[in-house]
Each structure stands twice: as structure tokens, then as C-alpha cells.
Amino acid sequence: MKKFFLTSLVFALVLAVAVAQDYKSRTVEDGGTGVYSAIMESDPSLRTHTIFRPKDLTPFGETEKLPIIAWGNGACANSPWEHVNFLSEVASHGFLVVAIGPMPEEGERSRDRSKSSQLIDAIDWAIAANEDSSSPYYGKIDVSKISVSGMSCGGLQTLEAAPDPRITTVVVCNSGILGNPGQGMPGMPALKKDHLEKLHSPTLYLLGGESDIAYNNGMDDFNRINHVPVFVGNMDVGHGGTYAQKHGGEFARVATAWYLWQLKGDQEAGKLFQGNPSALSKSPDWTVEKKMMP
């Protein structure tokens, strides 16, 4: 009996050490400009993804919950290394961001490929965590407010996942469905333009202006979408956007306002997109268009 007890104790200790080694976290920049200082972490229950979330989860629960944002990366990369400033900034405003790919180390530039289904995996995990009494997210996630979002190839993954009935808003960055699916790089979702008819929730396109390689595709998407509210903003920064800038730059500011409006009902943030003219249209940095929106 004593030997069995010692063996069990050793096994438990080894398991605890293994779990601790699997869990990693760090602060990106200064944790973002939002009310909730954010961290980036690797959770042992979801090694295939990277989580960006408020460091302190105690404010969240019955009255304040974390909406879910599933994120797909540029080049369909299996790592969010290009977008950590942007995603940390978004999370600091009270969101649970689950990005495709394991948490990148400092300076890591992973080019492994990912799949659109990993966006659905992120959503499934977050919903399960909210229902798991042993999870730090238990009862803290708003499973009725979910965005699927992504950049470039990740934007195509976003569009492929967007028909999921649980999605309440879509954000497509520096992307759009190609006129000829065969033009894309290997592994890119081979969507056709009629796929846009499957969108069922308000949709935001953020593009880098005419120098953005995805500009024509994204604007063509916008012109074809006539059945759901859609807003497109163009900033003349090219395909790379502003993700690597401090706090994700202008793309993070605009995307965060959209998330606050669509996922938290923040009407003040919504003024950036509502009205004629909308507040964003008054910015010298942006050119905007919208349909089916106030």
C-alpha cells in the first residue's frame, strides 16, 4: 500500500510538472491600452492555439463576460507571430481571442500551414471551457457573442468558417475571395464568389488600399454582398496592414471598435461605423463604404 501511494504521488508530481511546463504566458508590449491588461498564453488544454486574454479574470462572470474571437493568420500560418501586437490590444478591451497555432517564442517566424477547421476548434474549445467547472473560464465567456476573423489567407479561412450558425460577426482583413480559386497558393481555401451568400452576420472588411494585393478581391466581395450589413475600410498601407505597429496600429483601433459594438453592444464604439457620415469616414487615413447599416 505504501509503495502504491508513493508511486501515485510521484506520478501526480510528474503530471503537475508536465502541465506547468506546457503552460506558458507572457505580456506583449505593455499588455495593451484597454481596461484589462492582456497576456498571451499557451494552455495545455489547447496546445494547437494561442490565447490572448485579460490577465486578471476576476472581473468576469455573471455581469461581465468575455466574447469569443477566433483568429486566422496571414499565409494560413500555424502561428500568430505576425499579429501578436494586434491581438493583445484587442484582448485588453475584454475579449477572449483564440488564434490558430501554438504560442510563438520571441522572434519565432513559423511558416507551418493551418486549416480553416482550426477556427471552429477554437470556438468549440471556448464554449467547452465556459461549461467546465475546473476551467479558469468557467461561467466567464459569452458564448452567444462570437466572431470569426483573420488576415489574408486567414481571411479566406474566416469566410470559409463564417456560415457556422454560432457566428455573430465576421472580420476579414487584407483579404477577399479570389475570382479564380486556382490562383491562390497551395492550401488556401478554394472558395467561389457564391460562398458570400452564406454569410449571415454583420461583416467588416479592413483593406490596405489599392497597393494591397487583396484590394480588388476584397472590394469585389463588398460589392457582391447585399444581404447582410457590411462595412469596408481602406487605409493606404498595403497588404501588411498595421498589425506589427505599436498596439496593432490603426487596424487594431478600428477592429476593436467593431468588436466592442458588435460583441458588447457598445454604441459609442459603433459611432465609428454608424451615421452619415460615419466617424471613421471623417478620418483622413481611411476611405470607407457601407451597406445595410444606419
Foldseek 3Di string as FASTA:
>chain_A
DVVVVVVVVVVVVVVVVVQVVQKDKDADDQQADAPFRWMWIGHPVCQQKIKIARPDLVVFADPAAAEEEEEAEALQFQENVLFVLLRSHLRSNRHIYIYGHGYDDVPDDGRDHHALVVSVVRLVVLVVLCCDPVHPRPRRHDQQEYEYEYAALRLQSQLVPQLPPSYAEYEYELAAQDCQLVVDDPPRPSDHLCSLVSHDHEYEYEHQPPQAPHVVRVVVSQVPDAPYKYKYKYFNPYRSQQSPPRSGPPVSLLVSLVCCCRRVVPVVSVQCVADVVRVVCPDPRIHMDIHPGD
